[in-house]
Amino acid sequence: MKKHNNTLEAQRSRLLKRLQAGPCTTTEARHELDILGVAPRVYELRHKYGFNIQRHWVNDRNPGGGHHRVAKYVLMSGRWQGGANDIA
């Protein structure tokens, strides 16, 4: 397993790079990017740095086979405008 620098800055950087490549679920961020607190990192990217990251809910399977309703995050153009922009 690849070891990561787990400072908040490093986690935000990994998540942003991943979102620039395409949508990412909470499950993917936890297991592929080693970010356990995905929602707080998204919050920081939105509110501190202005990235327009939209969220919608999907059903996903974790590596152990369990099914979960998780957030799927998508990086959009423009700046974050507030909570009403999340996709149901």
Protein backbone atom coordinates (compact mmCIF):
# COMPACT_ATOMS: atom_id res chain seq x y z
CA MET A 1 0.00 0.00 0.00
CA LYS A 2 1.31 3.43 -0.95
CA LYS A 3 2.00 5.75 1.99
CA HIS A 4 0.82 9.34 1.68
CA ASN A 5 1.66 12.56 3.43
CA ASN A 6 -1.50 13.07 5.45
CA THR A 7 -1.30 16.74 6.32
CA LEU A 8 -4.52 18.57 5.56
CA GLU A 9 -2.76 20.46 2.77
CA ALA A 10 -1.55 17.22 1.18
CA GLN A 11 -5.01 15.66 1.42
CA ARG A 12 -6.64 18.71 -0.19
CA SER A 13 -4.02 18.64 -2.93
CA ARG A 14 -4.60 14.94 -3.69
CA LEU A 15 -8.36 15.40 -3.71
CA LEU A 16 -8.24 18.45 -5.97
CA LYS A 17 -5.91 16.68 -8.42
CA ARG A 18 -8.28 13.69 -8.48
CA LEU A 19 -11.33 15.90 -9.04
CA GLN A 20 -9.55 17.66 -11.90
CA ALA A 21 -9.28 14.22 -13.54
CA GLY A 22 -12.98 13.45 -13.03
CA PRO A 23 -15.71 12.75 -10.46
CA CYS A 24 -14.76 11.00 -7.23
CA THR A 25 -16.89 9.23 -4.63
CA THR A 26 -16.27 9.22 -0.90
CA THR A 27 -15.37 5.53 -1.19
CA GLU A 28 -12.76 6.22 -3.88
CA ALA A 29 -11.22 9.10 -1.95
CA ARG A 30 -10.96 7.03 1.21
CA HIS A 31 -9.45 3.96 -0.40
CA GLU A 32 -7.45 5.36 -3.32
CA LEU A 33 -6.33 8.71 -1.87
CA ASP A 34 -6.11 7.73 1.83
CA ILE A 35 -8.44 10.55 2.89
CA LEU A 36 -10.75 9.43 5.68
CA GLY A 37 -12.43 12.82 6.21
CA VAL A 38 -13.50 13.53 2.64
CA ALA A 39 -16.39 15.91 3.42
CA PRO A 40 -14.23 18.28 5.52
CA ARG A 41 -11.62 18.44 2.73
CA VAL A 42 -14.36 19.24 0.18
CA TYR A 43 -15.72 21.91 2.54
CA GLU A 44 -12.27 23.50 2.80
CA LEU A 45 -11.75 23.42 -0.98
CA ARG A 46 -15.14 25.08 -1.45
CA HIS A 47 -15.19 27.66 1.32
CA LYS A 48 -11.53 28.50 1.81
CA TYR A 49 -10.33 28.23 -1.81
CA GLY A 50 -13.55 28.82 -3.78
CA PHE A 51 -13.57 25.62 -5.87
CA ASN A 52 -17.01 24.81 -7.29
CA ILE A 53 -17.39 21.22 -6.14
CA GLN A 54 -20.88 19.78 -6.55
CA ARG A 55 -22.18 16.77 -4.66
CA HIS A 56 -24.80 14.21 -5.51
CA TRP A 57 -25.70 10.95 -3.85
CA VAL A 58 -24.99 7.52 -5.35
CA ASN A 59 -25.02 3.92 -4.22
CA ASP A 60 -21.50 2.51 -4.15
CA ARG A 61 -19.74 -0.66 -3.07
CA ASN A 62 -16.68 -0.57 -0.83
CA PRO A 63 -13.67 -2.89 -1.36
CA GLY A 64 -15.14 -5.30 1.20
CA GLY A 65 -18.33 -5.64 -0.86
CA GLY A 66 -20.65 -3.56 1.34
CA HIS A 67 -23.20 -1.25 -0.29
CA HIS A 68 -23.43 2.35 0.88
CA ARG A 69 -25.08 5.61 -0.12
CA VAL A 70 -22.16 7.97 -0.58
CA ALA A 71 -21.39 11.39 -1.99
CA LYS A 72 -20.04 11.72 -5.51
CA TYR A 73 -18.10 14.96 -5.97
CA VAL A 74 -17.71 16.75 -9.28
CA LEU A 75 -15.45 19.76 -9.92
CA MET A 76 -17.28 22.35 -12.00
CA SER A 77 -16.10 25.58 -13.59
CA GLY A 78 -16.55 28.87 -11.77
CA ARG A 79 -16.44 29.63 -8.07
CA TRP A 80 -18.44 28.02 -5.27
CA GLN A 81 -21.63 30.01 -4.68
CA GLY A 82 -23.11 28.20 -1.67
CA GLY A 83 -25.03 25.19 -0.47
CA ALA A 84 -27.96 25.47 -2.90
CA ASN A 85 -25.70 24.26 -5.72
CA ASP A 86 -25.53 20.65 -4.57
CA ILE A 87 -27.22 18.17 -6.86
CA ALA A 88 -29.87 16.05 -5.14
